[in-house]
PDB file of N, CA and C in Angstrom:
ATOM      1  N   UNK A   1      38.012  34.870   3.734  1.00  0.00           N
ATOM      2  CA  UNK A   1      37.381  35.126   4.880  1.00  0.00           C
ATOM      3  C   UNK A   1      36.143  34.208   4.942  1.00  0.00           C
ATOM      4  N   UNK A   2      35.937  33.555   6.146  1.00  0.00           N
ATOM      5  CA  UNK A   2      34.909  32.654   6.272  1.00  0.00           C
ATOM      6  C   UNK A   2      33.645  33.310   6.677  1.00  0.00           C
ATOM      7  N   UNK A   3      32.544  33.094   5.997  1.00  0.00           N
ATOM      8  CA  UNK A   3      31.305  33.563   6.382  1.00  0.00           C
ATOM      9  C   UNK A   3      30.565  32.476   7.095  1.00  0.00           C
ATOM     10  N   UNK A   4      29.805  32.915   8.143  1.00  0.00           N
ATOM     11  CA  UNK A   4      28.936  32.125   8.873  1.00  0.00           C
ATOM     12  C   UNK A   4      27.563  32.716   8.859  1.00  0.00           C
ATOM     13  N   UNK A   5      26.585  31.822   8.390  1.00  0.00           N
ATOM     14  CA  UNK A   5      25.202  32.332   8.220  1.00  0.00           C
ATOM     15  C   UNK A   5      24.428  31.730   9.398  1.00  0.00           C
ATOM     16  N   UNK A   6      23.801  32.686  10.164  1.00  0.00           N
ATOM     17  CA  UNK A   6      23.064  32.107  11.342  1.00  0.00           C
ATOM     18  C   UNK A   6      23.831  31.738  12.561  1.00  0.00           C
ATOM     19  N   UNK A   7      25.022  31.962  12.615  1.00  0.00           N
ATOM     20  CA  UNK A   7      25.891  31.543  13.699  1.00  0.00           C
ATOM     21  C   UNK A   7      26.384  32.958  14.364  1.00  0.00           C
ATOM     22  N   UNK A   8      26.414  32.790  15.634  1.00  0.00           N
ATOM     23  CA  UNK A   8      26.886  33.982  16.490  1.00  0.00           C
ATOM     24  C   UNK A   8      28.214  33.721  16.890  1.00  0.00           C
ATOM     25  N   UNK A   9      29.178  34.558  16.359  1.00  0.00           N
ATOM     26  CA  UNK A   9      30.535  34.441  16.823  1.00  0.00           C
ATOM     27  C   UNK A   9      30.762  35.066  18.152  1.00  0.00           C
ATOM     28  N   UNK A  10      31.883  34.823  18.824  1.00  0.00           N
ATOM     29  CA  UNK A  10      32.174  35.420  20.113  1.00  0.00           C
ATOM     30  C   UNK A  10      32.357  36.895  19.987  1.00  0.00           C
ATOM     31  N   UNK A  11      32.863  37.374  18.734  1.00  0.00           N
ATOM     32  CA  UNK A  11      32.969  38.827  18.627  1.00  0.00           C
ATOM     33  C   UNK A  11      31.659  39.488  18.446  1.00  0.00           C
ATOM     34  N   UNK A  12      30.732  38.883  17.795  1.00  0.00           N
ATOM     35  CA  UNK A  12      29.422  39.382  17.605  1.00  0.00           C
ATOM     36  C   UNK A  12      28.629  39.467  18.931  1.00  0.00           C
ATOM     37  N   UNK A  13      28.836  38.421  19.812  1.00  0.00           N
ATOM     38  CA  UNK A  13      28.184  38.258  21.082  1.00  0.00           C
ATOM     39  C   UNK A  13      28.749  39.414  22.024  1.00  0.00           C
ATOM     40  N   UNK A  14      30.011  39.646  21.888  1.00  0.00           N
ATOM     41  CA  UNK A  14      30.648  40.650  22.760  1.00  0.00           C
ATOM     42  C   UNK A  14      30.150  42.124  22.339  1.00  0.00           C
ATOM     43  N   UNK A  15      29.984  42.373  21.082  1.00  0.00           N
ATOM     44  CA  UNK A  15      29.457  43.625  20.632  1.00  0.00           C
ATOM     45  C   UNK A  15      28.006  43.926  21.103  1.00  0.00           C
ATOM     46  N   UNK A  16      27.319  42.870  20.959  1.00  0.00           N
ATOM     47  CA  UNK A  16      25.837  42.970  21.402  1.00  0.00           C
ATOM     48  C   UNK A  16      25.788  43.202  22.920  1.00  0.00           C
ATOM     49  N   UNK A  17      26.685  42.525  23.701  1.00  0.00           N
ATOM     50  CA  UNK A  17      26.651  42.701  25.129  1.00  0.00           C
ATOM     51  C   UNK A  17      26.936  44.093  25.537  1.00  0.00           C
ATOM     52  N   UNK A  18      28.076  44.597  24.906  1.00  0.00           N
ATOM     53  CA  UNK A  18      28.533  45.990  25.142  1.00  0.00           C
ATOM     54  C   UNK A  18      27.455  46.991  24.751  1.00  0.00           C
ATOM     55  N   UNK A  19      26.610  46.792  23.660  1.00  0.00           N
ATOM     56  CA  UNK A  19      25.595  47.806  23.269  1.00  0.00           C
ATOM     57  C   UNK A  19      24.440  47.619  24.330  1.00  0.00           C
ATOM     58  N   UNK A  20      24.118  46.398  24.724  1.00  0.00           N
ATOM     59  CA  UNK A  20      23.050  46.250  25.771  1.00  0.00           C
ATOM     60  C   UNK A  20      23.433  46.861  27.135  1.00  0.00           C
ATOM     61  N   UNK A  21      24.705  46.769  27.335  1.00  0.00           N
ATOM     62  CA  UNK A  21      25.271  47.428  28.678  1.00  0.00           C
ATOM     63  C   UNK A  21      25.151  48.947  28.659  1.00  0.00           C
ATOM     64  N   UNK A  22      25.387  49.541  27.387  1.00  0.00           N
ATOM     65  CA  UNK A  22      25.286  51.022  27.284  1.00  0.00           C
ATOM     66  C   UNK A  22      23.840  51.435  27.294  1.00  0.00           C
ATOM     67  N   UNK A  23      23.004  50.642  26.602  1.00  0.00           N
ATOM     68  CA  UNK A  23      21.603  51.084  26.582  1.00  0.00           C
ATOM     69  C   UNK A  23      20.860  50.868  27.883  1.00  0.00           C
ATOM     70  N   UNK A  24      20.979  49.688  28.493  1.00  0.00           N
ATOM     71  CA  UNK A  24      20.190  49.421  29.705  1.00  0.00           C
ATOM     72  C   UNK A  24      20.921  49.632  31.041  1.00  0.00           C
ATOM     73  N   UNK A  25      22.289  49.684  31.082  1.00  0.00           N
ATOM     74  CA  UNK A  25      22.965  49.876  32.198  1.00  0.00           C
ATOM     75  C   UNK A  25      23.132  48.458  33.002  1.00  0.00           C
ATOM     76  N   UNK A  26      24.102  48.453  33.945  1.00  0.00           N
ATOM     77  CA  UNK A  26      24.398  47.245  34.491  1.00  0.00           C
ATOM     78  C   UNK A  26      23.429  46.686  35.554  1.00  0.00           C
ATOM     79  N   UNK A  27      22.489  47.611  36.009  1.00  0.00           N
ATOM     80  CA  UNK A  27      21.442  47.280  36.929  1.00  0.00           C
ATOM     81  C   UNK A  27      20.362  46.450  36.361  1.00  0.00           C
ATOM     82  N   UNK A  28      19.963  46.738  35.099  1.00  0.00           N
ATOM     83  CA  UNK A  28      18.947  46.090  34.450  1.00  0.00           C
ATOM     84  C   UNK A  28      19.233  44.839  33.687  1.00  0.00           C
ATOM     85  N   UNK A  29      20.503  44.528  33.423  1.00  0.00           N
ATOM     86  CA  UNK A  29      20.893  43.350  32.647  1.00  0.00           C
ATOM     87  C   UNK A  29      20.551  41.982  33.390  1.00  0.00           C
ATOM     88  N   UNK A  30      20.647  41.896  34.597  1.00  0.00           N
ATOM     89  CA  UNK A  30      20.161  40.586  35.239  1.00  0.00           C
ATOM     90  C   UNK A  30      18.703  40.359  35.120  1.00  0.00           C
ATOM     91  N   UNK A  31      17.953  41.433  35.267  1.00  0.00           N
ATOM     92  CA  UNK A  31      16.523  41.344  35.051  1.00  0.00           C
ATOM     93  C   UNK A  31      16.099  41.075  33.628  1.00  0.00           C
ATOM     94  N   UNK A  32      16.831  41.518  32.742  1.00  0.00           N
ATOM     95  CA  UNK A  32      16.548  41.260  31.308  1.00  0.00           C
ATOM     96  C   UNK A  32      16.904  39.754  30.993  1.00  0.00           C
ATOM     97  N   UNK A  33      17.936  39.302  31.512  1.00  0.00           N
ATOM     98  CA  UNK A  33      18.441  37.904  31.323  1.00  0.00           C
ATOM     99  C   UNK A  33      17.477  36.981  31.863  1.00  0.00           C
ATOM    100  N   UNK A  34      16.936  37.320  33.059  1.00  0.00           N
ATOM    101  CA  UNK A  34      15.883  36.408  33.699  1.00  0.00           C
ATOM    102  C   UNK A  34      14.543  36.329  32.816  1.00  0.00           C
ATOM    103  N   UNK A  35      14.217  37.635  32.435  1.00  0.00           N
ATOM    104  CA  UNK A  35      12.940  37.648  31.564  1.00  0.00           C
ATOM    105  C   UNK A  35      13.120  36.947  30.235  1.00  0.00           C
ATOM    106  N   UNK A  36      14.289  36.992  29.625  1.00  0.00           N
ATOM    107  CA  UNK A  36      14.527  36.316  28.367  1.00  0.00           C
ATOM    108  C   UNK A  36      14.524  34.753  28.615  1.00  0.00           C
ATOM    109  N   UNK A  37      15.198  34.370  29.702  1.00  0.00           N
ATOM    110  CA  UNK A  37      15.257  32.877  29.930  1.00  0.00           C
ATOM    111  C   UNK A  37      13.744  32.430  30.318  1.00  0.00           C
ATOM    112  N   UNK A  38      13.025  33.129  31.052  1.00  0.00           N
ATOM    113  CA  UNK A  38      11.659  32.648  31.347  1.00  0.00           C
ATOM    114  C   UNK A  38      10.868  32.600  29.956  1.00  0.00           C
ATOM    115  N   UNK A  39      11.018  33.549  29.207  1.00  0.00           N
ATOM    116  CA  UNK A  39      10.272  33.563  27.905  1.00  0.00           C
ATOM    117  C   UNK A  39      10.650  32.419  27.061  1.00  0.00           C
ATOM    118  N   UNK A  40      11.950  32.104  26.970  1.00  0.00           N
ATOM    119  CA  UNK A  40      12.395  30.921  26.060  1.00  0.00           C
ATOM    120  C   UNK A  40      11.832  29.655  26.759  1.00  0.00           C
ATOM    121  N   UNK A  41      11.808  29.469  28.010  1.00  0.00           N
ATOM    122  CA  UNK A  41      11.346  28.320  28.801  1.00  0.00           C
ATOM    123  C   UNK A  41       9.821  28.112  28.496  1.00  0.00           C
ATOM    124  N   UNK A  42       9.041  29.205  28.629  1.00  0.00           N
ATOM    125  CA  UNK A  42       7.599  29.086  28.369  1.00  0.00           C
ATOM    126  C   UNK A  42       7.375  28.761  26.798  1.00  0.00           C
ATOM    127  N   UNK A  43       8.201  29.362  25.960  1.00  0.00           N
ATOM    128  CA  UNK A  43       8.006  29.082  24.500  1.00  0.00           C
ATOM    129  C   UNK A  43       8.309  27.559  24.226  1.00  0.00           C
ATOM    130  N   UNK A  44       9.452  27.107  24.837  1.00  0.00           N
ATOM    131  CA  UNK A  44       9.730  25.627  24.628  1.00  0.00           C
ATOM    132  C   UNK A  44       8.650  24.626  25.142  1.00  0.00           C
ATOM    133  N   UNK A  45       8.088  25.121  26.354  1.00  0.00           N
ATOM    134  CA  UNK A  45       7.012  24.193  26.962  1.00  0.00           C
ATOM    135  C   UNK A  45       5.732  24.223  25.985  1.00  0.00           C
ATOM    136  N   UNK A  46       5.497  25.399  25.491  1.00  0.00           N
ATOM    137  CA  UNK A  46       4.312  25.482  24.550  1.00  0.00           C
ATOM    138  C   UNK A  46       4.462  24.790  23.386  1.00  0.00           C
ATOM    139  N   UNK A  47       5.655  24.829  22.737  1.00  0.00           N
ATOM    140  CA  UNK A  47       5.831  24.080  21.409  1.00  0.00           C
ATOM    141  C   UNK A  47       6.033  22.665  21.589  1.00  0.00           C
ATOM    142  N   UNK A  48       6.465  22.193  22.769  1.00  0.00           N
ATOM    143  CA  UNK A  48       6.629  20.713  23.079  1.00  0.00           C
ATOM    144  C   UNK A  48       5.238  20.139  23.460  1.00  0.00           C
ATOM    145  N   UNK A  49       4.280  20.887  23.713  1.00  0.00           N
ATOM    146  CA  UNK A  49       3.063  20.425  24.064  1.00  0.00           C
ATOM    147  C   UNK A  49       3.007  19.836  25.501  1.00  0.00           C
ATOM    148  N   UNK A  50       3.762  20.491  26.326  1.00  0.00           N
ATOM    149  CA  UNK A  50       3.810  20.023  27.832  1.00  0.00           C
ATOM    150  C   UNK A  50       2.474  20.402  28.404  1.00  0.00           C
ATOM    151  N   UNK A  51       1.827  19.394  28.867  1.00  0.00           N
ATOM    152  CA  UNK A  51       0.436  19.571  29.383  1.00  0.00           C
ATOM    153  C   UNK A  51       0.497  20.356  30.733  1.00  0.00           C
ATOM    154  N   UNK A  52       1.567  20.223  31.444  1.00  0.00           N
ATOM    155  CA  UNK A  52       1.567  20.802  32.827  1.00  0.00           C
ATOM    156  C   UNK A  52       1.723  22.386  32.667  1.00  0.00           C
ATOM    157  N   UNK A  53       2.409  22.889  31.721  1.00  0.00           N
ATOM    158  CA  UNK A  53       2.627  24.249  31.611  1.00  0.00           C
ATOM    159  C   UNK A  53       1.543  24.992  30.802  1.00  0.00           C
ATOM    160  N   UNK A  54       0.727  24.251  30.081  1.00  0.00           N
ATOM    161  CA  UNK A  54      -0.342  24.974  29.251  1.00  0.00           C
ATOM    162  C   UNK A  54      -1.460  25.330  30.189  1.00  0.00           C
ATOM    163  N   UNK A  55      -1.948  26.491  30.114  1.00  0.00           N
ATOM    164  CA  UNK A  55      -2.988  26.947  30.865  1.00  0.00           C
ATOM    165  C   UNK A  55      -4.363  26.632  30.209  1.00  0.00           C
ATOM    166  N   UNK A  56      -5.348  26.490  31.001  1.00  0.00           N
ATOM    167  CA  UNK A  56      -6.603  26.123  30.466  1.00  0.00           C
ATOM    168  C   UNK A  56      -7.221  27.275  29.810  1.00  0.00           C
ATOM    169  N   UNK A  57      -7.920  27.053  28.715  1.00  0.00           N
ATOM    170  CA  UNK A  57      -8.567  28.131  27.877  1.00  0.00           C
ATOM    171  C   UNK A  57     -10.129  27.917  28.213  1.00  0.00           C
ATOM    172  N   UNK A  58     -10.713  28.967  28.761  1.00  0.00           N
ATOM    173  CA  UNK A  58     -12.089  28.844  29.006  1.00  0.00           C
ATOM    174  C   UNK A  58     -12.963  29.367  27.883  1.00  0.00           C
ATOM    175  N   UNK A  59     -14.113  28.711  27.665  1.00  0.00           N
ATOM    176  CA  UNK A  59     -14.951  29.148  26.566  1.00  0.00           C
ATOM    177  C   UNK A  59     -15.762  30.391  26.856  1.00  0.00           C
ATOM    178  N   UNK A  60     -15.920  31.240  26.097  1.00  0.00           N
ATOM    179  CA  UNK A  60     -16.547  32.435  26.227  1.00  0.00           C
ATOM    180  C   UNK A  60     -17.803  32.454  25.325  1.00  0.00           C
ATOM    181  N   UNK A  61     -19.006  32.587  25.921  1.00  0.00           N
ATOM    182  CA  UNK A  61     -20.228  32.504  25.110  1.00  0.00           C
ATOM    183  C   UNK A  61     -20.655  34.023  24.853  1.00  0.00           C
ATOM    184  N   UNK A  62     -20.979  34.239  23.618  1.00  0.00           N
ATOM    185  CA  UNK A  62     -21.476  35.691  23.394  1.00  0.00           C
ATOM    186  C   UNK A  62     -22.964  35.552  23.360  1.00  0.00           C
ATOM    187  N   UNK A  63     -23.612  36.649  23.804  1.00  0.00           N
ATOM    188  CA  UNK A  63     -25.056  36.737  23.826  1.00  0.00           C
ATOM    189  C   UNK A  63     -25.298  37.967  23.005  1.00  0.00           C
ATOM    190  N   UNK A  64     -26.219  37.800  22.146  1.00  0.00           N
ATOM    191  CA  UNK A  64     -26.719  38.818  21.186  1.00  0.00           C
ATOM    192  C   UNK A  64     -27.895  39.635  21.828  1.00  0.00           C
ATOM    193  N   UNK A  65     -27.634  40.935  22.045  1.00  0.00           N
ATOM    194  CA  UNK A  65     -28.664  41.747  22.703  1.00  0.00           C
ATOM    195  C   UNK A  65     -29.465  42.552  21.620  1.00  0.00           C
ATOM    196  N   UNK A  66     -30.611  42.267  21.516  1.00  0.00           N
ATOM    197  CA  UNK A  66     -31.502  43.067  20.434  1.00  0.00           C
ATOM    198  C   UNK A  66     -32.085  44.221  21.064  1.00  0.00           C
ATOM    199  N   UNK A  67     -32.020  45.326  20.268  1.00  0.00           N
ATOM    200  CA  UNK A  67     -32.693  46.654  20.725  1.00  0.00           C
ATOM    201  C   UNK A  67     -34.015  46.612  20.271  1.00  0.00           C
ATOM    202  N   UNK A  68     -34.900  47.200  21.185  1.00  0.00           N
ATOM    203  CA  UNK A  68     -36.416  47.100  20.935  1.00  0.00           C
ATOM    204  C   UNK A  68     -36.790  48.403  20.255  1.00  0.00           C
TER     205      UNK A  68
END
């Protein structure tokens, strides 16, 4: 028997798809796919250092208030 470490076989993908279909139903699967694809795209752009997709981070100044 051949063992594959870290590789998804077609049988494994099919089982996962059937379980997802049972849990979420056929109406929610396209929405989940879109959300997953968008998340992967944002993660890739963040790790690649793509300047266009990175949002600006504004500095926040803290003010110390003393009680009298």
